[in-house]
Amino acid sequence: MDLMSSIRGIAAIVVAAVHAFQVFVLPYFGLYGVAHLATSFLATYAVIAFFIVSGFMIHLSVTNHRDADGKFDTASYFSARLLRIYPPLLTAVGISLVVYLVMTGLEMHGSKTFRLGGELFVSRERVEFEWDRLPATLLLVYNVFPGATQPLSIDGPLWTLSFEWWFYMFVMFAAGVSSRRPVLFGYLPLACLLLVFHKQPSGVLFWALFFVWMSGFLLGHLYRKDALSSRWFFPVAALTVFFCIAGIVLAGGTRTIDYIVEPLQRLGNRAHVVMMFMAFLLTLALATVIRRGARVRFLVDTADFSYTLYLIHYPLLLFAFGLLHPLLHGFGWVVSTFAAMLVTLLILPVAARLAAVVENRDLIASKLAGCFARRVTR
């Protein structure tokens, strides 16, 4: 639907713009000031919006991947998720590798350090491509499976992708319980995955994001069942608002505002819980907008490349910073702000052109089918 497409596109642009500001401009301001906290607030809740929209769209996907008998088609769902996640992911890893090789091969600024002197902060000390992190990055096991390495540092937004992938898998195995082979595709893998979730290393953050994502999934269920138009909507909504505000106050205590503004980074588990309840309020706001039948088409077309933009922008920003920082260093934060804006605007069409291929699942599936057919006939 157009509302969710608009939210997805806007969120991706917000994340890219905030990261551009942080890469180019925060060296002049440093961490934990107004500039840093304001931009982190925007990026955090843009990512939260991504999780809510993702959960919503996955409910629609689960509903669509059913056969004529109403049984969940596990293979169809899995292939759709695979084609959704991996082409842009592999593209982002490829771009990251090229950026690393070019910058180190040409000994560009950033190959050894991004600092020229006087910086209060740099997003990365230098450009790196940690080969030992590549398997965990490609298998999407970081932050979820105990003992896995972190993802590649050159592409910061990757940190959310493993959560989203395994939430997809959780729903797939849960829905697989209704399949013709529920033990093989439902109960057994679901039990194994729940064991992994129990042992996952991200702690409260994992569960906060899981419940945020599931709030979007529940919203999708209510939307499909037309339950949002029920006369019970506003009483339940009022009770939910009360519950969320109480949760925010109880978890936040005297630091509630701090936790709302900076829920992801240094403030710990209570901040993650506050973020979760804030996300529930955002989900409820979306439900209200859907109930009112609002037609939102602002930036709806950006949803076509939002995922690609989200994954590729960070290494491109580091590359641009390596090129421009030596030139801009003496001109102050205003000039660097304009540079950040310009670089972001240049990245948008790059993401759009790449997404026309890597987010075109029908095209990719047909190419893969053609390659397989040629291989079989040889």
Protein backbone atom coordinates (compact mmCIF):
# COMPACT_ATOMS: atom_id res chain seq x y z
CA MET A 1 0.00 0.00 0.00
CA ASP A 2 1.09 3.57 -0.70
CA LEU A 3 1.35 4.61 2.96
CA MET A 4 3.85 1.88 3.79
CA SER A 5 5.80 2.51 0.59
CA SER A 6 6.06 6.19 1.47
CA ILE A 7 7.25 5.42 5.00
CA ARG A 8 9.85 2.96 3.71
CA GLY A 9 11.19 5.43 1.15
CA ILE A 10 11.27 8.38 3.54
CA ALA A 11 12.96 6.29 6.25
CA ALA A 12 15.72 5.19 3.87
CA ILE A 13 16.40 8.78 2.78
CA VAL A 14 16.42 9.98 6.39
CA VAL A 15 18.95 7.31 7.39
CA ALA A 16 21.20 8.13 4.42
CA ALA A 17 20.99 11.89 5.06
CA VAL A 18 21.70 11.48 8.79
CA HIS A 19 24.71 9.28 8.09
CA ALA A 20 25.99 11.83 5.57
CA PHE A 21 25.67 14.55 8.21
CA GLN A 22 27.43 12.42 10.80
CA VAL A 23 30.28 11.47 8.45
CA PHE A 24 30.87 14.98 7.07
CA VAL A 25 29.75 17.37 9.81
CA LEU A 26 30.05 15.70 13.21
CA PRO A 27 33.87 15.99 13.09
CA TYR A 28 33.23 19.67 13.88
CA PHE A 29 30.77 19.05 16.76
CA GLY A 30 31.73 15.74 18.33
CA LEU A 31 29.50 13.22 20.08
CA TYR A 32 26.54 13.71 22.43
CA GLY A 33 25.90 17.34 21.62
CA VAL A 34 22.68 18.66 20.08
CA ALA A 35 23.81 17.89 16.51
CA HIS A 36 24.66 14.29 17.31
CA LEU A 37 21.63 13.55 19.48
CA ALA A 38 19.16 15.16 17.07
CA THR A 39 20.46 13.24 14.07
CA SER A 40 20.71 9.98 16.03
CA PHE A 41 17.10 10.43 17.14
CA LEU A 42 15.97 10.82 13.52
CA ALA A 43 17.98 7.84 12.29
CA THR A 44 16.89 5.58 15.16
CA TYR A 45 13.18 6.11 14.64
CA ALA A 46 13.58 5.87 10.88
CA VAL A 47 15.08 2.42 11.45
CA ILE A 48 12.22 1.60 13.83
CA ALA A 49 9.76 2.61 11.10
CA PHE A 50 11.61 0.20 8.78
CA PHE A 51 11.06 -2.65 11.24
CA ILE A 52 7.36 -1.87 11.62
CA VAL A 53 6.81 -1.68 7.87
CA SER A 54 8.82 -4.88 7.39
CA GLY A 55 6.63 -6.76 9.86
CA PHE A 56 3.50 -5.40 8.18
CA MET A 57 4.64 -6.44 4.70
CA ILE A 58 5.72 -9.90 5.88
CA HIS A 59 2.21 -10.59 7.15
CA LEU A 60 0.91 -9.80 3.67
CA SER A 61 3.63 -12.04 2.22
CA VAL A 62 2.67 -14.96 4.47
CA THR A 63 -0.94 -14.54 3.39
CA ASN A 64 0.02 -14.43 -0.28
CA HIS A 65 2.27 -17.51 -0.14
CA ARG A 66 -0.50 -20.03 0.33
CA ASP A 67 -1.66 -22.66 -2.11
CA ALA A 68 -5.21 -23.40 -3.27
CA ASP A 69 -5.85 -25.44 -0.12
CA GLY A 70 -4.78 -22.60 2.16
CA LYS A 71 -1.54 -24.33 3.19
CA PHE A 72 1.52 -22.17 3.64
CA ASP A 73 4.03 -22.58 0.80
CA THR A 74 7.34 -22.59 2.66
CA ALA A 75 9.52 -22.91 -0.45
CA SER A 76 7.80 -20.03 -2.23
CA TYR A 77 8.06 -17.76 0.82
CA PHE A 78 11.72 -18.63 1.41
CA SER A 79 12.72 -18.03 -2.21
CA ALA A 80 10.92 -14.67 -2.15
CA ARG A 81 12.79 -13.63 1.02
CA LEU A 82 16.07 -14.89 -0.40
CA LEU A 83 15.63 -12.86 -3.59
CA ARG A 84 14.61 -9.85 -1.54
CA ILE A 85 17.56 -9.85 0.85
CA TYR A 86 20.58 -11.29 -0.93
CA PRO A 87 20.95 -9.45 -4.25
CA PRO A 88 21.14 -6.02 -2.54
CA LEU A 89 23.28 -7.48 0.26
CA LEU A 90 25.81 -8.97 -2.18
CA THR A 91 25.81 -5.69 -4.09
CA ALA A 92 26.54 -3.76 -0.91
CA VAL A 93 29.37 -6.13 0.03
CA GLY A 94 30.78 -5.81 -3.49
CA ILE A 95 30.66 -2.01 -3.35
CA SER A 96 32.30 -2.09 0.08
CA LEU A 97 35.12 -4.26 -1.25
CA VAL A 98 35.67 -1.99 -4.27
CA VAL A 99 35.72 1.10 -2.04
CA TYR A 100 38.24 -0.56 0.25
CA LEU A 101 40.50 -1.73 -2.59
CA VAL A 102 40.42 1.62 -4.39
CA MET A 103 41.07 3.68 -1.27
CA THR A 104 43.88 1.48 0.01
CA GLY A 105 45.34 0.80 -3.43
CA LEU A 106 45.55 4.51 -4.25
CA GLU A 107 46.52 5.36 -0.65
CA MET A 108 43.64 7.82 -0.47
CA HIS A 109 42.81 9.83 2.60
CA GLY A 110 41.15 7.35 4.94
CA SER A 111 43.23 4.37 3.95
CA LYS A 112 45.33 4.89 7.08
CA THR A 113 43.24 7.46 8.96
CA PHE A 114 40.40 9.87 8.29
CA ARG A 115 41.86 12.38 10.73
CA LEU A 116 43.69 15.50 9.62
CA GLY A 117 43.89 17.08 13.06
CA GLY A 118 41.26 18.83 15.11
CA GLU A 119 38.40 16.41 14.43
CA LEU A 120 36.24 15.84 17.49
CA PHE A 121 34.83 12.65 15.97
CA VAL A 122 35.16 10.49 12.87
CA SER A 123 32.61 7.83 11.89
CA ARG A 124 35.42 5.39 11.11
CA GLU A 125 39.08 5.79 12.01
CA ARG A 126 40.00 4.35 8.62
CA VAL A 127 38.45 2.30 5.87
CA GLU A 128 38.64 -1.43 6.62
CA PHE A 129 37.36 -4.65 5.11
CA GLU A 130 37.61 -7.35 7.76
CA TRP A 131 37.86 -10.62 5.85
CA ASP A 132 37.22 -12.64 8.99
CA ARG A 133 33.83 -10.92 9.31
CA LEU A 134 32.75 -11.77 5.77
CA PRO A 135 31.24 -15.23 6.51
CA ALA A 136 29.06 -13.91 9.33
CA THR A 137 28.03 -10.97 7.15
CA LEU A 138 27.00 -13.17 4.24
CA LEU A 139 25.27 -15.76 6.43
CA LEU A 140 23.52 -13.04 8.45
CA VAL A 141 24.35 -14.73 11.76
CA TYR A 142 25.91 -11.73 13.51
CA ASN A 143 24.03 -10.29 16.53
CA VAL A 144 21.80 -13.38 16.62
CA PHE A 145 23.98 -16.51 16.79
CA PRO A 146 26.32 -16.82 19.78
CA GLY A 147 30.00 -16.57 18.87
CA ALA A 148 29.45 -14.96 15.45
CA THR A 149 31.63 -12.01 14.51
CA GLN A 150 30.24 -8.55 13.89
CA PRO A 151 29.36 -7.48 10.31
CA LEU A 152 31.74 -5.53 8.08
CA SER A 153 32.47 -2.17 9.70
CA ILE A 154 32.66 -0.38 6.34
CA ASP A 155 28.87 -0.70 5.98
CA GLY A 156 27.33 0.42 9.26
CA PRO A 157 23.63 -0.18 8.42
CA LEU A 158 24.27 -3.91 8.06
CA TRP A 159 23.76 -4.29 11.82
CA THR A 160 19.96 -4.42 11.42
CA LEU A 161 19.83 -6.91 8.57
CA SER A 162 20.51 -10.07 10.56
CA PHE A 163 17.66 -9.27 12.95
CA GLU A 164 15.25 -8.79 10.09
CA TRP A 165 16.33 -11.98 8.30
CA TRP A 166 15.83 -14.19 11.34
CA PHE A 167 12.48 -12.57 12.10
CA TYR A 168 11.54 -13.62 8.56
CA MET A 169 12.66 -17.15 9.37
CA PHE A 170 10.75 -17.23 12.64
CA VAL A 171 7.52 -16.38 10.84
CA MET A 172 8.31 -18.90 8.09
CA PHE A 173 8.75 -21.75 10.57
CA ALA A 174 5.75 -20.65 12.62
CA ALA A 175 3.58 -20.56 9.50
CA GLY A 176 5.13 -23.87 8.42
CA VAL A 177 3.34 -25.58 11.29
CA SER A 178 0.25 -25.49 9.06
CA SER A 179 2.09 -27.07 6.12
CA ARG A 180 1.75 -30.67 4.94
CA ARG A 181 5.02 -31.57 6.68
CA PRO A 182 4.81 -29.56 9.91
CA VAL A 183 7.58 -31.40 11.74
CA LEU A 184 10.17 -30.83 9.01
CA PHE A 185 9.12 -27.29 8.07
CA GLY A 186 7.50 -26.13 11.28
CA TYR A 187 7.91 -27.55 14.76
CA LEU A 188 11.50 -28.80 14.63
CA PRO A 189 13.17 -25.77 12.98
CA LEU A 190 11.01 -23.41 15.03
CA ALA A 191 12.17 -25.08 18.24
CA CYS A 192 15.82 -24.83 17.11
CA LEU A 193 15.41 -21.17 16.19
CA LEU A 194 13.79 -20.35 19.51
CA LEU A 195 16.76 -21.98 21.23
CA VAL A 196 19.08 -19.70 19.22
CA PHE A 197 16.93 -16.71 20.17
CA HIS A 198 17.25 -17.70 23.81
CA LYS A 199 21.06 -17.75 23.51
CA GLN A 200 21.46 -14.72 21.20
CA PRO A 201 24.14 -12.23 22.30
CA SER A 202 22.26 -8.95 21.72
CA GLY A 203 20.18 -9.25 24.87
CA VAL A 204 17.29 -6.85 25.44
CA LEU A 205 17.91 -5.06 22.14
CA PHE A 206 17.07 -8.23 20.22
CA TRP A 207 13.76 -8.70 22.01
CA ALA A 208 12.88 -5.03 21.75
CA LEU A 209 13.37 -5.13 17.98
CA PHE A 210 11.55 -8.45 17.74
CA PHE A 211 8.45 -7.08 19.47
CA VAL A 212 8.64 -3.89 17.39
CA TRP A 213 8.73 -6.00 14.23
CA MET A 214 5.89 -8.16 15.50
CA SER A 215 3.81 -5.05 16.18
CA GLY A 216 4.03 -4.34 12.45
CA PHE A 217 3.11 -7.97 11.75
CA LEU A 218 0.06 -7.65 14.01
CA LEU A 219 -0.89 -4.41 12.24
CA GLY A 220 -0.77 -6.30 8.94
CA HIS A 221 -3.07 -8.97 10.41
CA LEU A 222 -5.56 -6.38 11.64
CA TYR A 223 -5.45 -4.64 8.27
CA ARG A 224 -6.15 -7.84 6.33
CA LYS A 225 -9.01 -8.77 8.68
CA ASP A 226 -10.46 -5.24 8.40
CA ALA A 227 -10.32 -5.09 12.19
CA LEU A 228 -9.06 -1.50 12.16
CA SER A 229 -12.55 -0.32 11.29
CA SER A 230 -14.05 -2.02 14.34
CA ARG A 231 -16.00 0.07 16.86
CA TRP A 232 -13.61 -1.31 19.47
CA PHE A 233 -10.62 0.36 17.84
CA PHE A 234 -10.57 3.58 19.88
CA PRO A 235 -11.16 1.95 23.31
CA VAL A 236 -8.37 -0.54 22.60
CA ALA A 237 -6.17 2.26 21.22
CA ALA A 238 -6.71 4.36 24.35
CA LEU A 239 -5.79 1.40 26.56
CA THR A 240 -2.70 0.77 24.43
CA VAL A 241 -1.59 4.39 24.70
CA PHE A 242 -1.98 4.23 28.49
CA PHE A 243 -0.02 0.96 28.61
CA CYS A 244 2.80 2.36 26.44
CA ILE A 245 3.11 5.63 28.37
CA ALA A 246 3.17 3.72 31.63
CA GLY A 247 5.86 1.41 30.20
CA ILE A 248 7.93 4.39 29.06
CA VAL A 249 7.72 6.12 32.43
CA LEU A 250 8.37 2.98 34.46
CA ALA A 251 11.34 1.93 32.33
CA GLY A 252 12.70 5.45 31.93
CA GLY A 253 12.26 6.84 35.43
CA THR A 254 14.13 10.09 35.88
CA ARG A 255 16.01 9.55 32.58
CA THR A 256 12.96 9.04 30.37
CA ILE A 257 13.78 11.93 28.03
CA ASP A 258 17.38 10.76 27.65
CA TYR A 259 16.21 7.25 26.77
CA ILE A 260 13.68 8.54 24.23
CA VAL A 261 16.26 10.71 22.51
CA GLU A 262 19.10 8.17 22.52
CA PRO A 263 17.64 4.66 22.75
CA LEU A 264 20.18 2.62 20.79
CA GLN A 265 23.70 3.48 21.82
CA ARG A 266 25.29 3.99 25.23
CA LEU A 267 22.36 4.01 27.66
CA GLY A 268 21.65 0.28 27.83
CA ASN A 269 18.67 -1.96 28.34
CA ARG A 270 16.22 0.54 29.80
CA ALA A 271 16.68 2.73 26.76
CA HIS A 272 15.88 -0.24 24.50
CA VAL A 273 12.67 -0.90 26.43
CA VAL A 274 11.65 2.76 26.14
CA MET A 275 12.34 2.57 22.41
CA MET A 276 10.09 -0.48 22.15
CA PHE A 277 7.15 1.30 23.77
CA MET A 278 7.75 4.38 21.59
CA ALA A 279 7.62 2.06 18.59
CA PHE A 280 4.30 0.65 19.76
CA LEU A 281 2.92 4.20 19.84
CA LEU A 282 4.23 4.72 16.30
CA THR A 283 2.53 1.49 15.19
CA LEU A 284 -0.71 2.69 16.75
CA ALA A 285 -0.38 6.02 14.94
CA LEU A 286 0.00 4.12 11.65
CA ALA A 287 -3.08 2.05 12.49
CA THR A 288 -5.04 5.25 13.04
CA VAL A 289 -3.91 6.67 9.71
CA ILE A 290 -4.88 3.44 7.94
CA ARG A 291 -8.27 3.40 9.68
CA ARG A 292 -8.98 6.93 8.46
CA GLY A 293 -8.23 5.80 4.91
CA ALA A 294 -5.56 8.45 4.38
CA ARG A 295 -3.97 8.33 0.95
CA VAL A 296 -0.29 9.13 1.19
CA ARG A 297 1.83 9.14 -1.95
CA PHE A 298 4.69 11.36 -0.81
CA LEU A 299 7.95 9.85 -2.10
CA VAL A 300 6.14 6.56 -2.66
CA ASP A 301 8.38 5.69 -5.64
CA THR A 302 11.46 5.77 -3.42
CA ALA A 303 10.27 2.48 -1.90
CA ASP A 304 11.43 0.82 -5.12
CA PHE A 305 15.05 1.44 -4.15
CA SER A 306 14.83 2.06 -0.39
CA TYR A 307 16.45 -1.23 0.60
CA THR A 308 19.31 -0.82 -1.84
CA LEU A 309 19.82 2.77 -0.71
CA TYR A 310 19.86 1.66 2.91
CA LEU A 311 22.58 -0.93 2.26
CA ILE A 312 24.91 0.85 -0.17
CA HIS A 313 25.01 4.44 1.04
CA TYR A 314 27.48 4.06 3.91
CA PRO A 315 30.56 2.79 2.01
CA LEU A 316 29.87 5.39 -0.69
CA LEU A 317 29.76 8.10 1.98
CA LEU A 318 33.11 6.96 3.34
CA PHE A 319 34.56 7.02 -0.16
CA ALA A 320 33.23 10.54 -0.76
CA PHE A 321 34.56 11.65 2.62
CA GLY A 322 37.97 10.30 1.72
CA LEU A 323 37.90 12.37 -1.47
CA LEU A 324 36.47 15.58 -0.06
CA HIS A 325 37.59 15.88 3.55
CA PRO A 326 41.13 17.08 2.69
CA LEU A 327 39.56 19.79 0.49
CA LEU A 328 36.86 20.86 2.94
CA HIS A 329 38.79 20.61 6.19
CA GLY A 330 39.58 24.31 6.49
CA PHE A 331 36.19 25.70 5.46
CA GLY A 332 34.06 24.81 8.48
CA TRP A 333 30.88 22.87 9.11
CA VAL A 334 28.58 24.87 6.84
CA VAL A 335 30.49 23.95 3.69
CA SER A 336 30.72 20.33 4.87
CA THR A 337 26.95 20.31 5.39
CA PHE A 338 26.37 21.34 1.78
CA ALA A 339 28.84 18.66 0.69
CA ALA A 340 26.94 16.05 2.71
CA MET A 341 23.68 17.11 1.06
CA LEU A 342 25.21 16.97 -2.42
CA VAL A 343 26.75 13.54 -1.87
CA THR A 344 23.43 12.19 -0.58
CA LEU A 345 21.61 13.52 -3.65
CA LEU A 346 24.19 11.85 -5.90
CA ILE A 347 23.82 8.51 -4.12
CA LEU A 348 20.03 8.45 -4.64
CA PRO A 349 20.11 7.88 -8.43
CA VAL A 350 22.92 5.34 -8.03
CA ALA A 351 20.72 3.36 -5.63
CA ALA A 352 17.72 3.71 -7.96
CA ARG A 353 19.63 2.33 -10.96
CA LEU A 354 21.09 -0.55 -9.01
CA ALA A 355 17.73 -1.37 -7.45
CA ALA A 356 16.13 -1.64 -10.88
CA VAL A 357 18.20 -4.82 -11.19
CA VAL A 358 18.91 -6.13 -7.69
CA GLU A 359 15.40 -5.49 -6.32
CA ASN A 360 13.68 -6.84 -9.43
CA ARG A 361 12.89 -10.33 -8.18
CA ASP A 362 11.13 -11.40 -11.37
CA LEU A 363 14.17 -10.44 -13.45
CA ILE A 364 16.60 -12.20 -11.10
CA ALA A 365 14.43 -15.32 -10.89
CA SER A 366 14.15 -15.52 -14.69
CA LYS A 367 17.92 -15.10 -15.09
CA LEU A 368 18.61 -17.80 -12.52
CA ALA A 369 16.08 -20.11 -14.16
CA GLY A 370 17.71 -19.51 -17.55
CA CYS A 371 21.18 -20.25 -16.18
CA PHE A 372 19.91 -23.44 -14.53
CA ALA A 373 18.17 -24.56 -17.74
CA ARG A 374 21.32 -24.02 -19.81
CA ARG A 375 23.39 -25.94 -17.28
CA VAL A 376 20.96 -28.87 -17.34
CA THR A 377 20.91 -29.06 -21.15
CA ARG A 378 24.71 -29.23 -21.42
